[in-house]
Amino acid sequence: MASCTSIISPETEPNNVSDRVSVTESALVVSRALTLVSNTNYLDECKTLNPLKLTEQIPYQNIWPGKTKESEVESILGVPDKRSVLVGDEINLVYSSDLGVLVKNDIVTSILVYPEDETRFTLEEVILKYGCPDLVLAVNTTEDQVGYDSIRLIFSKVGLAVSFAHYPANLSDSIDKIWYFPSMTVQKYFEKNGWAGMPRSAQPVEWNDAVK
């Protein structure tokens, strides 16, 4: 795992036609996301499974992104298998092949976990445990950027994102990846993770489009 949770900077200064189109598309993606989450009826179908909504940040093994120091990570998880410096002076602490912890200025910024088979919740179990997300994204992880191949549930207020490797997904599908990060708004999530700069990679969608 060379860089478990690299944060990509969104485009800010277009210098050619392609960039200008991308920025325009990006603005539309963010606008659609904010419009969806402001609609009180958004994800109503999900709410029939679990109407409860968590409001407090969720840690990983008592590691709190935005709060926990690197030295505290090592006291909890031990010495990492690999420690590398990424762009922007972020440090990636790699534990085996299924866990990466990003640190900047000695504070954990995010965590990426590839759950082992026996601990992989299904989509339905995620909803029953955490409630409904703030936003659902259809995501393309392929190089050709045609269509979508996975969904991502964004629980921005509690600092959690969960990926399922199908689009649309089924309630019985198991988690592919889990990210932990500081509590933030949906708009801040887009800015931090670069989705605003990759309009062809992710699109906000309705529950019935994302889950069958």
N, C-alpha and C. Protein backbone atom coordinates (compact mmCIF):
# COMPACT_ATOMS: atom_id res chain seq x y z
N MET A 1 0.85 -1.18 0.00
CA MET A 1 0.00 0.00 0.00
C MET A 1 0.88 1.23 0.00
N ALA A 2 1.14 1.80 -1.13
CA ALA A 2 2.09 2.90 -1.24
C ALA A 2 1.57 4.19 -0.68
N SER A 3 0.30 4.49 -0.88
CA SER A 3 -0.26 5.73 -0.35
C SER A 3 -1.74 5.53 -0.13
N CYS A 4 -2.07 5.09 1.06
CA CYS A 4 -3.41 4.60 1.34
C CYS A 4 -4.52 5.61 1.12
N THR A 5 -4.30 6.86 1.51
CA THR A 5 -5.41 7.81 1.43
C THR A 5 -4.94 9.15 0.90
N SER A 6 -4.28 9.14 -0.22
CA SER A 6 -3.76 10.38 -0.77
C SER A 6 -4.88 11.39 -1.00
N ILE A 7 -4.66 12.62 -0.57
CA ILE A 7 -5.62 13.68 -0.78
C ILE A 7 -5.22 14.43 -2.04
N ILE A 8 -6.14 14.61 -2.95
CA ILE A 8 -5.86 15.26 -4.22
C ILE A 8 -6.37 16.68 -4.19
N SER A 9 -5.52 17.65 -4.55
CA SER A 9 -5.94 19.03 -4.53
C SER A 9 -6.86 19.33 -5.71
N PRO A 10 -8.01 19.98 -5.47
CA PRO A 10 -8.91 20.31 -6.57
C PRO A 10 -8.30 21.34 -7.49
N GLU A 11 -8.73 21.37 -8.74
CA GLU A 11 -8.24 22.36 -9.68
C GLU A 11 -8.74 23.73 -9.27
N THR A 12 -7.87 24.73 -9.33
CA THR A 12 -8.28 26.07 -8.93
C THR A 12 -7.99 27.11 -10.00
N GLU A 13 -7.01 26.88 -10.88
CA GLU A 13 -6.65 27.86 -11.89
C GLU A 13 -6.57 27.20 -13.26
N PRO A 14 -7.69 27.12 -13.97
CA PRO A 14 -7.68 26.47 -15.29
C PRO A 14 -6.79 27.24 -16.26
N ASN A 15 -6.01 26.50 -17.07
CA ASN A 15 -5.12 27.17 -18.02
C ASN A 15 -5.34 26.71 -19.45
N ASN A 16 -6.38 25.91 -19.69
CA ASN A 16 -6.73 25.55 -21.06
C ASN A 16 -8.21 25.21 -21.14
N VAL A 17 -8.70 24.94 -22.32
CA VAL A 17 -10.13 24.69 -22.50
C VAL A 17 -10.58 23.48 -21.70
N SER A 18 -9.78 22.40 -21.73
CA SER A 18 -10.13 21.19 -21.00
C SER A 18 -10.29 21.48 -19.52
N ASP A 19 -9.36 22.26 -18.95
CA ASP A 19 -9.44 22.60 -17.54
C ASP A 19 -10.68 23.42 -17.24
N ARG A 20 -11.01 24.36 -18.14
CA ARG A 20 -12.18 25.21 -17.89
C ARG A 20 -13.46 24.38 -17.89
N VAL A 21 -13.55 23.43 -18.82
CA VAL A 21 -14.71 22.55 -18.84
C VAL A 21 -14.78 21.74 -17.57
N SER A 22 -13.63 21.23 -17.13
CA SER A 22 -13.58 20.42 -15.92
C SER A 22 -14.04 21.21 -14.71
N VAL A 23 -13.59 22.46 -14.59
CA VAL A 23 -13.99 23.29 -13.46
C VAL A 23 -15.48 23.57 -13.49
N THR A 24 -16.02 23.79 -14.69
CA THR A 24 -17.46 24.01 -14.82
C THR A 24 -18.23 22.77 -14.39
N GLU A 25 -17.78 21.61 -14.86
CA GLU A 25 -18.42 20.35 -14.46
C GLU A 25 -18.30 20.13 -12.96
N SER A 26 -17.16 20.47 -12.41
CA SER A 26 -16.93 20.30 -10.98
C SER A 26 -17.91 21.12 -10.17
N ALA A 27 -18.12 22.36 -10.59
CA ALA A 27 -19.06 23.23 -9.88
C ALA A 27 -20.46 22.64 -9.90
N LEU A 28 -20.83 22.02 -11.03
CA LEU A 28 -22.14 21.40 -11.15
C LEU A 28 -22.26 20.19 -10.22
N VAL A 29 -21.18 19.41 -10.10
CA VAL A 29 -21.19 18.24 -9.21
C VAL A 29 -21.38 18.67 -7.76
N VAL A 30 -20.61 19.66 -7.34
CA VAL A 30 -20.72 20.14 -5.96
C VAL A 30 -22.09 20.75 -5.71
N SER A 31 -22.59 21.51 -6.68
CA SER A 31 -23.91 22.12 -6.55
C SER A 31 -24.99 21.05 -6.41
N ARG A 32 -24.88 19.99 -7.22
CA ARG A 32 -25.87 18.91 -7.13
C ARG A 32 -25.79 18.23 -5.76
N ALA A 33 -24.58 18.00 -5.27
CA ALA A 33 -24.42 17.37 -3.95
C ALA A 33 -25.06 18.21 -2.86
N LEU A 34 -24.80 19.51 -2.87
CA LEU A 34 -25.34 20.39 -1.84
C LEU A 34 -26.86 20.50 -1.95
N THR A 35 -27.37 20.48 -3.19
CA THR A 35 -28.82 20.52 -3.38
C THR A 35 -29.48 19.26 -2.81
N LEU A 36 -28.86 18.10 -3.08
CA LEU A 36 -29.41 16.85 -2.57
C LEU A 36 -29.43 16.81 -1.05
N VAL A 37 -28.31 17.14 -0.41
CA VAL A 37 -28.24 17.02 1.05
C VAL A 37 -29.12 18.06 1.75
N SER A 38 -29.46 19.13 1.06
CA SER A 38 -30.34 20.14 1.67
C SER A 38 -31.81 19.74 1.57
N ASN A 39 -32.11 18.72 0.76
CA ASN A 39 -33.48 18.24 0.60
C ASN A 39 -33.80 17.25 1.72
N THR A 40 -34.77 17.57 2.53
CA THR A 40 -35.10 16.72 3.69
C THR A 40 -35.62 15.35 3.27
N ASN A 41 -36.05 15.22 2.01
CA ASN A 41 -36.55 13.92 1.53
C ASN A 41 -35.45 13.07 0.90
N TYR A 42 -34.24 13.63 0.80
CA TYR A 42 -33.14 12.87 0.20
C TYR A 42 -32.84 11.64 1.05
N LEU A 43 -32.68 10.51 0.40
CA LEU A 43 -32.37 9.21 1.03
C LEU A 43 -33.51 8.69 1.91
N ASP A 44 -34.74 9.11 1.61
CA ASP A 44 -35.88 8.61 2.39
C ASP A 44 -35.98 7.08 2.34
N GLU A 45 -35.63 6.49 1.20
CA GLU A 45 -35.70 5.03 1.09
C GLU A 45 -34.71 4.37 2.04
N CYS A 46 -33.56 5.00 2.23
CA CYS A 46 -32.59 4.48 3.19
C CYS A 46 -33.12 4.59 4.61
N LYS A 47 -33.82 5.68 4.89
CA LYS A 47 -34.31 5.94 6.25
C LYS A 47 -35.36 4.94 6.69
N THR A 48 -35.94 4.21 5.73
CA THR A 48 -36.88 3.17 6.13
C THR A 48 -36.15 2.00 6.79
N LEU A 49 -34.85 1.85 6.49
CA LEU A 49 -34.03 0.82 7.14
C LEU A 49 -33.61 1.25 8.54
N ASN A 50 -33.24 2.53 8.66
CA ASN A 50 -32.81 3.06 9.95
C ASN A 50 -32.95 4.57 9.93
N PRO A 51 -33.92 5.12 10.64
CA PRO A 51 -34.15 6.57 10.62
C PRO A 51 -33.17 7.35 11.50
N LEU A 52 -32.41 6.66 12.34
CA LEU A 52 -31.50 7.33 13.26
C LEU A 52 -30.31 7.92 12.50
N LYS A 53 -29.76 9.01 13.03
CA LYS A 53 -28.62 9.66 12.39
C LYS A 53 -27.61 10.02 13.46
N LEU A 54 -26.38 9.49 13.33
CA LEU A 54 -25.32 9.80 14.29
C LEU A 54 -24.81 11.21 14.07
N THR A 55 -24.34 11.84 15.15
CA THR A 55 -23.84 13.22 15.05
C THR A 55 -22.43 13.38 15.59
N GLU A 56 -21.90 12.37 16.28
CA GLU A 56 -20.58 12.47 16.88
C GLU A 56 -19.53 11.76 16.01
N GLN A 57 -18.31 12.31 15.96
CA GLN A 57 -17.24 11.71 15.18
C GLN A 57 -16.98 10.27 15.59
N ILE A 58 -16.68 9.43 14.61
CA ILE A 58 -16.40 8.01 14.86
C ILE A 58 -14.89 7.77 14.75
N PRO A 59 -14.26 7.23 15.80
CA PRO A 59 -12.82 6.96 15.75
C PRO A 59 -12.55 5.56 15.22
N TYR A 60 -11.27 5.29 14.93
CA TYR A 60 -10.84 3.93 14.60
C TYR A 60 -9.91 3.47 15.72
N GLN A 61 -10.35 2.49 16.49
CA GLN A 61 -9.56 1.96 17.61
C GLN A 61 -9.01 3.09 18.49
N ASN A 62 -9.87 4.03 18.81
CA ASN A 62 -9.54 5.17 19.66
C ASN A 62 -8.53 6.12 19.02
N ILE A 63 -8.40 6.06 17.70
CA ILE A 63 -7.59 7.03 16.95
C ILE A 63 -8.57 8.00 16.30
N TRP A 64 -8.41 9.29 16.62
CA TRP A 64 -9.36 10.30 16.18
C TRP A 64 -8.69 11.22 15.15
N PRO A 65 -9.01 11.07 13.86
CA PRO A 65 -8.45 12.00 12.88
C PRO A 65 -8.76 13.45 13.25
N GLY A 66 -7.73 14.29 13.11
CA GLY A 66 -7.87 15.69 13.49
C GLY A 66 -7.47 15.95 14.93
N LYS A 67 -7.25 14.88 15.72
CA LYS A 67 -6.95 15.05 17.14
C LYS A 67 -5.74 14.21 17.60
N THR A 68 -5.69 12.95 17.19
CA THR A 68 -4.67 12.02 17.69
C THR A 68 -3.30 12.31 17.10
N LYS A 69 -2.26 12.25 17.95
CA LYS A 69 -0.88 12.50 17.51
C LYS A 69 -0.25 11.20 16.99
N GLU A 70 0.81 11.37 16.18
CA GLU A 70 1.50 10.20 15.61
C GLU A 70 2.03 9.29 16.70
N SER A 71 2.58 9.86 17.76
CA SER A 71 3.12 9.04 18.84
C SER A 71 2.03 8.22 19.51
N GLU A 72 0.81 8.76 19.56
CA GLU A 72 -0.30 8.03 20.16
C GLU A 72 -0.74 6.88 19.25
N VAL A 73 -0.62 7.09 17.93
CA VAL A 73 -0.95 6.01 16.99
C VAL A 73 -0.06 4.81 17.24
N GLU A 74 1.24 5.06 17.40
CA GLU A 74 2.18 3.96 17.61
C GLU A 74 1.95 3.27 18.96
N SER A 75 1.47 4.02 19.94
CA SER A 75 1.18 3.38 21.23
C SER A 75 -0.04 2.48 21.13
N ILE A 76 -0.92 2.74 20.15
CA ILE A 76 -2.13 1.93 19.97
C ILE A 76 -1.89 0.79 18.97
N LEU A 77 -1.27 1.11 17.83
CA LEU A 77 -1.11 0.13 16.76
C LEU A 77 0.28 -0.48 16.68
N GLY A 78 1.23 0.12 17.39
CA GLY A 78 2.60 -0.35 17.31
C GLY A 78 3.38 0.37 16.22
N VAL A 79 4.60 -0.07 15.98
CA VAL A 79 5.46 0.54 14.97
C VAL A 79 4.96 0.13 13.58
N PRO A 80 4.77 1.09 12.67
CA PRO A 80 4.26 0.74 11.33
C PRO A 80 5.27 -0.08 10.54
N ASP A 81 4.76 -0.85 9.58
CA ASP A 81 5.62 -1.63 8.70
C ASP A 81 6.40 -0.72 7.76
N LYS A 82 5.81 0.42 7.42
CA LYS A 82 6.46 1.36 6.52
C LYS A 82 6.02 2.78 6.87
N ARG A 83 6.97 3.71 6.76
CA ARG A 83 6.66 5.12 7.01
C ARG A 83 7.24 5.93 5.85
N SER A 84 6.37 6.57 5.07
CA SER A 84 6.83 7.30 3.90
C SER A 84 6.24 8.70 3.88
N VAL A 85 6.98 9.62 3.24
CA VAL A 85 6.55 11.01 3.13
C VAL A 85 5.89 11.22 1.77
N LEU A 86 4.69 11.79 1.78
CA LEU A 86 3.93 12.03 0.57
C LEU A 86 3.99 13.50 0.18
N VAL A 87 3.32 13.83 -0.90
CA VAL A 87 3.24 15.23 -1.33
C VAL A 87 2.55 16.06 -0.25
N GLY A 88 3.08 17.27 -0.01
CA GLY A 88 2.50 18.14 1.00
C GLY A 88 2.95 17.81 2.40
N ASP A 89 4.04 17.04 2.50
CA ASP A 89 4.63 16.69 3.80
C ASP A 89 3.73 15.81 4.66
N GLU A 90 2.74 15.17 4.05
CA GLU A 90 1.96 14.19 4.80
C GLU A 90 2.78 12.92 4.94
N ILE A 91 2.61 12.26 6.05
CA ILE A 91 3.32 11.01 6.33
C ILE A 91 2.32 9.86 6.31
N ASN A 92 2.68 8.81 5.59
CA ASN A 92 1.81 7.65 5.49
C ASN A 92 2.39 6.52 6.34
N LEU A 93 1.64 6.12 7.35
CA LEU A 93 2.03 5.01 8.21
C LEU A 93 1.28 3.77 7.73
N VAL A 94 2.01 2.79 7.22
CA VAL A 94 1.40 1.60 6.65
C VAL A 94 1.54 0.43 7.61
N TYR A 95 0.41 -0.20 7.90
CA TYR A 95 0.38 -1.38 8.75
C TYR A 95 -0.12 -2.55 7.91
N SER A 96 0.76 -3.49 7.62
CA SER A 96 0.49 -4.64 6.74
C SER A 96 -0.10 -4.11 5.42
N SER A 97 -1.05 -4.82 4.85
CA SER A 97 -1.60 -4.40 3.56
C SER A 97 -3.04 -3.92 3.67
N ASP A 98 -3.52 -3.78 4.90
CA ASP A 98 -4.93 -3.44 5.04
C ASP A 98 -5.20 -2.19 5.88
N LEU A 99 -4.16 -1.44 6.23
CA LEU A 99 -4.38 -0.25 7.06
C LEU A 99 -3.32 0.81 6.78
N GLY A 100 -3.78 2.03 6.51
CA GLY A 100 -2.88 3.16 6.33
C GLY A 100 -3.36 4.34 7.13
N VAL A 101 -2.43 5.04 7.78
CA VAL A 101 -2.77 6.21 8.58
C VAL A 101 -1.99 7.41 8.06
N LEU A 102 -2.70 8.46 7.67
CA LEU A 102 -2.04 9.68 7.19
C LEU A 102 -1.87 10.66 8.35
N VAL A 103 -0.67 11.24 8.41
CA VAL A 103 -0.34 12.19 9.48
C VAL A 103 0.25 13.45 8.86
N LYS A 104 -0.15 14.60 9.38
CA LYS A 104 0.45 15.87 8.96
C LYS A 104 0.61 16.76 10.17
N ASN A 105 1.81 17.34 10.31
CA ASN A 105 2.11 18.19 11.46
C ASN A 105 1.84 17.45 12.77
N ASP A 106 2.18 16.15 12.75
CA ASP A 106 2.10 15.27 13.92
C ASP A 106 0.67 14.89 14.31
N ILE A 107 -0.34 15.26 13.49
CA ILE A 107 -1.73 14.94 13.80
C ILE A 107 -2.30 14.04 12.69
N VAL A 108 -3.02 13.01 13.09
CA VAL A 108 -3.67 12.12 12.13
C VAL A 108 -4.69 12.90 11.32
N THR A 109 -4.62 12.79 9.99
CA THR A 109 -5.59 13.48 9.13
C THR A 109 -6.65 12.53 8.58
N SER A 110 -6.28 11.27 8.35
CA SER A 110 -7.26 10.30 7.86
C SER A 110 -6.71 8.89 8.00
N ILE A 111 -7.62 7.93 7.92
CA ILE A 111 -7.26 6.51 8.06
C ILE A 111 -8.00 5.74 6.98
N LEU A 112 -7.31 4.82 6.33
CA LEU A 112 -7.94 3.95 5.34
C LEU A 112 -7.79 2.50 5.78
N VAL A 113 -8.91 1.78 5.81
CA VAL A 113 -8.92 0.39 6.26
C VAL A 113 -9.52 -0.49 5.17
N TYR A 114 -8.82 -1.59 4.87
CA TYR A 114 -9.36 -2.64 4.02
C TYR A 114 -9.79 -3.78 4.96
N PRO A 115 -11.07 -3.88 5.28
CA PRO A 115 -11.50 -4.87 6.28
C PRO A 115 -11.20 -6.30 5.86
N GLU A 116 -10.85 -7.11 6.85
CA GLU A 116 -10.67 -8.53 6.59
C GLU A 116 -12.04 -9.16 6.39
N ASP A 117 -12.05 -10.30 5.71
CA ASP A 117 -13.32 -10.92 5.33
C ASP A 117 -14.28 -11.10 6.51
N GLU A 118 -13.74 -11.53 7.65
CA GLU A 118 -14.62 -11.84 8.77
C GLU A 118 -15.17 -10.59 9.46
N THR A 119 -14.63 -9.42 9.13
CA THR A 119 -15.10 -8.18 9.76
C THR A 119 -15.78 -7.24 8.76
N ARG A 120 -16.07 -7.73 7.57
CA ARG A 120 -16.66 -6.89 6.53
C ARG A 120 -18.18 -6.84 6.68
N PHE A 121 -18.68 -5.71 7.14
CA PHE A 121 -20.11 -5.52 7.23
C PHE A 121 -20.73 -5.49 5.83
N THR A 122 -21.99 -5.88 5.76
CA THR A 122 -22.74 -5.67 4.52
C THR A 122 -23.25 -4.24 4.49
N LEU A 123 -23.74 -3.82 3.33
CA LEU A 123 -24.30 -2.47 3.22
C LEU A 123 -25.46 -2.30 4.20
N GLU A 124 -26.30 -3.30 4.29
CA GLU A 124 -27.43 -3.21 5.22
C GLU A 124 -26.95 -3.08 6.66
N GLU A 125 -25.92 -3.83 7.03
CA GLU A 125 -25.39 -3.76 8.39
C GLU A 125 -24.78 -2.39 8.69
N VAL A 126 -24.18 -1.77 7.68
CA VAL A 126 -23.62 -0.42 7.86
C VAL A 126 -24.75 0.56 8.18
N ILE A 127 -25.85 0.47 7.44
CA ILE A 127 -26.98 1.38 7.68
C ILE A 127 -27.59 1.13 9.05
N LEU A 128 -27.72 -0.12 9.44
CA LEU A 128 -28.30 -0.44 10.75
C LEU A 128 -27.39 0.04 11.88
N LYS A 129 -26.08 0.06 11.64
CA LYS A 129 -25.13 0.47 12.68
C LYS A 129 -24.95 1.99 12.74
N TYR A 130 -24.85 2.63 11.57
CA TYR A 130 -24.51 4.05 11.53
C TYR A 130 -25.65 4.96 11.08
N GLY A 131 -26.76 4.38 10.62
CA GLY A 131 -27.81 5.20 10.06
C GLY A 131 -27.52 5.50 8.60
N CYS A 132 -28.25 6.44 8.03
CA CYS A 132 -28.08 6.79 6.62
C CYS A 132 -26.99 7.83 6.45
N PRO A 133 -26.28 7.79 5.33
CA PRO A 133 -25.19 8.74 5.09
C PRO A 133 -25.74 10.14 4.78
N ASP A 134 -24.84 11.10 4.75
CA ASP A 134 -25.21 12.45 4.34
C ASP A 134 -25.34 12.52 2.82
N LEU A 135 -24.53 11.70 2.13
CA LEU A 135 -24.50 11.74 0.67
C LEU A 135 -24.06 10.38 0.13
N VAL A 136 -24.59 10.03 -1.05
CA VAL A 136 -24.16 8.82 -1.74
C VAL A 136 -23.53 9.22 -3.07
N LEU A 137 -22.35 8.69 -3.35
CA LEU A 137 -21.67 8.97 -4.61
C LEU A 137 -21.59 7.70 -5.47
N ALA A 138 -21.83 7.85 -6.77
CA ALA A 138 -21.48 6.81 -7.73
C ALA A 138 -20.06 7.12 -8.16
N VAL A 139 -19.18 6.13 -8.07
CA VAL A 139 -17.74 6.37 -8.26
C VAL A 139 -17.18 5.51 -9.39
N ASN A 140 -16.27 6.10 -10.14
CA ASN A 140 -15.54 5.37 -11.18
C ASN A 140 -14.08 5.26 -10.76
N THR A 141 -13.60 4.03 -10.58
CA THR A 141 -12.21 3.82 -10.16
C THR A 141 -11.34 3.31 -11.30
N THR A 142 -11.89 3.30 -12.52
CA THR A 142 -11.14 2.78 -13.66
C THR A 142 -10.41 3.89 -14.39
N GLU A 143 -9.46 3.51 -15.23
CA GLU A 143 -8.67 4.49 -15.96
C GLU A 143 -9.46 5.15 -17.09
N ASP A 144 -10.41 4.44 -17.69
CA ASP A 144 -11.12 5.02 -18.83
C ASP A 144 -12.21 6.01 -18.41
N GLN A 145 -12.58 5.98 -17.12
CA GLN A 145 -13.56 6.93 -16.60
C GLN A 145 -14.90 6.87 -17.34
N VAL A 146 -15.31 5.67 -17.72
CA VAL A 146 -16.60 5.48 -18.38
C VAL A 146 -17.54 4.74 -17.45
N GLY A 147 -18.68 5.33 -17.15
CA GLY A 147 -19.62 4.69 -16.25
C GLY A 147 -19.13 4.69 -14.81
N TYR A 148 -19.79 3.90 -13.97
CA TYR A 148 -19.43 3.82 -12.55
C TYR A 148 -19.33 2.36 -12.13
N ASP A 149 -18.42 2.09 -11.19
CA ASP A 149 -18.22 0.70 -10.78
C ASP A 149 -18.33 0.49 -9.28
N SER A 150 -18.63 1.55 -8.52
CA SER A 150 -18.76 1.39 -7.08
C SER A 150 -19.58 2.55 -6.51
N ILE A 151 -19.99 2.40 -5.26
CA ILE A 151 -20.66 3.50 -4.58
C ILE A 151 -19.90 3.83 -3.30
N ARG A 152 -20.04 5.05 -2.87
CA ARG A 152 -19.41 5.47 -1.62
C ARG A 152 -20.44 6.20 -0.76
N LEU A 153 -20.62 5.72 0.45
CA LEU A 153 -21.51 6.37 1.40
C LEU A 153 -20.69 7.35 2.22
N ILE A 154 -21.07 8.63 2.18
CA ILE A 154 -20.33 9.68 2.86
C ILE A 154 -21.06 10.11 4.11
N PHE A 155 -20.51 9.78 5.28
CA PHE A 155 -21.03 10.25 6.56
C PHE A 155 -20.13 11.40 7.01
N SER A 156 -20.26 12.55 6.35
CA SER A 156 -19.29 13.62 6.57
C SER A 156 -19.31 14.17 8.00
N LYS A 157 -20.48 14.22 8.60
CA LYS A 157 -20.59 14.81 9.93
C LYS A 157 -19.92 13.97 11.01
N VAL A 158 -19.82 12.66 10.77
CA VAL A 158 -19.19 11.79 11.76
C VAL A 158 -17.80 11.33 11.31
N GLY A 159 -17.36 11.79 10.12
CA GLY A 159 -16.01 11.47 9.66
C GLY A 159 -15.84 10.04 9.19
N LEU A 160 -16.75 9.58 8.35
CA LEU A 160 -16.71 8.19 7.89
C LEU A 160 -17.15 8.12 6.43
N ALA A 161 -16.44 7.34 5.63
CA ALA A 161 -16.86 7.04 4.27
C ALA A 161 -16.67 5.55 4.04
N VAL A 162 -17.65 4.93 3.40
CA VAL A 162 -17.63 3.48 3.20
C VAL A 162 -17.86 3.18 1.73
N SER A 163 -16.99 2.34 1.16
CA SER A 163 -17.07 2.03 -0.27
C SER A 163 -17.53 0.59 -0.48
N PHE A 164 -18.36 0.41 -1.53
CA PHE A 164 -18.82 -0.91 -1.96
C PHE A 164 -18.49 -1.05 -3.45
N ALA A 165 -17.89 -2.16 -3.83
CA ALA A 165 -17.33 -2.31 -5.17
C ALA A 165 -18.33 -2.76 -6.22
N HIS A 166 -19.53 -2.19 -6.21
CA HIS A 166 -20.53 -2.44 -7.24
C HIS A 166 -21.36 -1.17 -7.46
N TYR A 167 -21.85 -1.00 -8.67
CA TYR A 167 -22.82 0.06 -8.95
C TYR A 167 -23.81 -0.45 -9.98
N PRO A 168 -25.09 -0.52 -9.59
CA PRO A 168 -25.57 -0.27 -8.24
C PRO A 168 -25.17 -1.40 -7.30
N ALA A 169 -25.23 -1.12 -6.02
CA ALA A 169 -24.88 -2.12 -5.01
C ALA A 169 -26.15 -2.79 -4.49
N ASN A 170 -25.94 -3.92 -3.82
CA ASN A 170 -27.02 -4.62 -3.14
C ASN A 170 -26.84 -4.51 -1.64
N LEU A 171 -27.91 -4.63 -0.90
CA LEU A 171 -27.82 -4.54 0.56
C LEU A 171 -26.94 -5.63 1.14
N SER A 172 -26.79 -6.73 0.40
CA SER A 172 -25.99 -7.86 0.88
C SER A 172 -24.51 -7.72 0.52
N ASP A 173 -24.14 -6.69 -0.27
CA ASP A 173 -22.73 -6.49 -0.64
C ASP A 173 -21.90 -6.13 0.58
N SER A 174 -20.65 -6.61 0.60
CA SER A 174 -19.75 -6.34 1.73
C SER A 174 -18.88 -5.12 1.47
N ILE A 175 -18.45 -4.49 2.54
CA ILE A 175 -17.60 -3.30 2.47
C ILE A 175 -16.32 -3.61 1.70
N ASP A 176 -15.92 -2.66 0.88
CA ASP A 176 -14.65 -2.74 0.17
C ASP A 176 -13.56 -1.98 0.93
N LYS A 177 -13.84 -0.73 1.26
CA LYS A 177 -12.88 0.10 1.99
C LYS A 177 -13.63 1.03 2.95
N ILE A 178 -12.92 1.45 4.01
CA ILE A 178 -13.48 2.40 4.98
C ILE A 178 -12.46 3.52 5.21
N TRP A 179 -12.94 4.75 5.18
CA TRP A 179 -12.09 5.91 5.51
C TRP A 179 -12.62 6.56 6.78
N TYR A 180 -11.69 6.99 7.63
CA TYR A 180 -12.02 7.79 8.81
C TYR A 180 -11.34 9.15 8.66
N PHE A 181 -12.05 10.22 9.00
CA PHE A 181 -11.50 11.56 8.84
C PHE A 181 -12.19 12.50 9.82
N PRO A 182 -11.72 13.73 9.99
CA PRO A 182 -12.39 14.66 10.91
C PRO A 182 -13.81 14.99 10.46
N SER A 183 -14.66 15.29 11.39
CA SER A 183 -16.02 15.72 11.08
C SER A 183 -15.97 16.98 10.23
N MET A 184 -16.80 17.03 9.18
CA MET A 184 -16.81 18.19 8.29
C MET A 184 -18.11 18.25 7.51
N THR A 185 -18.33 19.34 6.82
CA THR A 185 -19.51 19.46 5.96
C THR A 185 -19.28 18.69 4.67
N VAL A 186 -20.36 18.46 3.92
CA VAL A 186 -20.24 17.79 2.63
C VAL A 186 -19.37 18.62 1.69
N GLN A 187 -19.55 19.92 1.67
CA GLN A 187 -18.75 20.77 0.79
C GLN A 187 -17.26 20.68 1.14
N LYS A 188 -16.95 20.67 2.42
CA LYS A 188 -15.55 20.55 2.84
C LYS A 188 -14.99 19.19 2.45
N TYR A 189 -15.82 18.16 2.51
CA TYR A 189 -15.37 16.83 2.10
C TYR A 189 -14.95 16.82 0.64
N PHE A 190 -15.76 17.46 -0.21
CA PHE A 190 -15.41 17.55 -1.63
C PHE A 190 -14.08 18.27 -1.81
N GLU A 191 -13.90 19.37 -1.11
CA GLU A 191 -12.68 20.15 -1.25
C GLU A 191 -11.46 19.37 -0.77
N LYS A 192 -11.58 18.70 0.35
CA LYS A 192 -10.46 17.97 0.93
C LYS A 192 -10.05 16.77 0.12
N ASN A 193 -11.01 16.08 -0.47
CA ASN A 193 -10.72 14.80 -1.12
C ASN A 193 -10.66 14.88 -2.63
N GLY A 194 -10.83 16.07 -3.18
CA GLY A 194 -10.59 16.23 -4.60
C GLY A 194 -11.73 15.85 -5.52
N TRP A 195 -12.88 15.42 -4.99
CA TRP A 195 -13.98 15.04 -5.87
C TRP A 195 -14.42 16.23 -6.71
N ALA A 196 -14.30 17.44 -6.17
CA ALA A 196 -14.69 18.62 -6.93
C ALA A 196 -13.82 18.80 -8.16
N GLY A 197 -12.62 18.27 -8.12
CA GLY A 197 -11.72 18.37 -9.26
C GLY A 197 -11.77 17.18 -10.19
N MET A 198 -12.63 16.21 -9.89
CA MET A 198 -12.73 15.01 -10.72
C MET A 198 -14.18 14.70 -11.04
N PRO A 199 -14.86 15.57 -11.78
CA PRO A 199 -16.29 15.40 -12.02
C PRO A 199 -16.67 14.12 -12.72
N ARG A 200 -15.75 13.54 -13.50
CA ARG A 200 -16.08 12.29 -14.19
C ARG A 200 -15.84 11.07 -13.29
N SER A 201 -15.25 11.29 -12.13
CA SER A 201 -14.93 10.18 -11.23
C SER A 201 -16.02 9.91 -10.22
N ALA A 202 -16.85 10.90 -9.92
CA ALA A 202 -17.87 10.73 -8.89
C ALA A 202 -19.06 11.64 -9.16
N GLN A 203 -20.25 11.10 -8.94
CA GLN A 203 -21.47 11.87 -9.10
C GLN A 203 -22.40 11.59 -7.93
N PRO A 204 -22.99 12.62 -7.35
CA PRO A 204 -24.00 12.42 -6.30
C PRO A 204 -25.22 11.74 -6.90
N VAL A 205 -25.78 10.77 -6.20
CA VAL A 205 -26.91 10.02 -6.73
C VAL A 205 -27.97 9.79 -5.66
N GLU A 206 -29.16 9.43 -6.13
CA GLU A 206 -30.25 9.06 -5.23
C GLU A 206 -30.03 7.63 -4.74
N TRP A 207 -30.66 7.31 -3.61
CA TRP A 207 -30.52 5.98 -3.01
C TRP A 207 -30.98 4.88 -3.98
N ASN A 208 -32.12 5.08 -4.62
CA ASN A 208 -32.65 4.03 -5.50
C ASN A 208 -31.80 3.82 -6.75
N ASP A 209 -30.97 4.80 -7.10
CA ASP A 209 -30.05 4.63 -8.21
C ASP A 209 -28.78 3.88 -7.78
N ALA A 210 -28.42 4.06 -6.50
CA ALA A 210 -27.17 3.48 -6.00
C ALA A 210 -27.35 2.08 -5.41
N VAL A 211 -28.54 1.78 -4.93
CA VAL A 211 -28.78 0.52 -4.23
C VAL A 211 -30.00 -0.17 -4.82
N LYS A 212 -29.83 -1.43 -5.19
CA LYS A 212 -30.95 -2.21 -5.75
C LYS A 212 -31.29 -3.38 -4.86
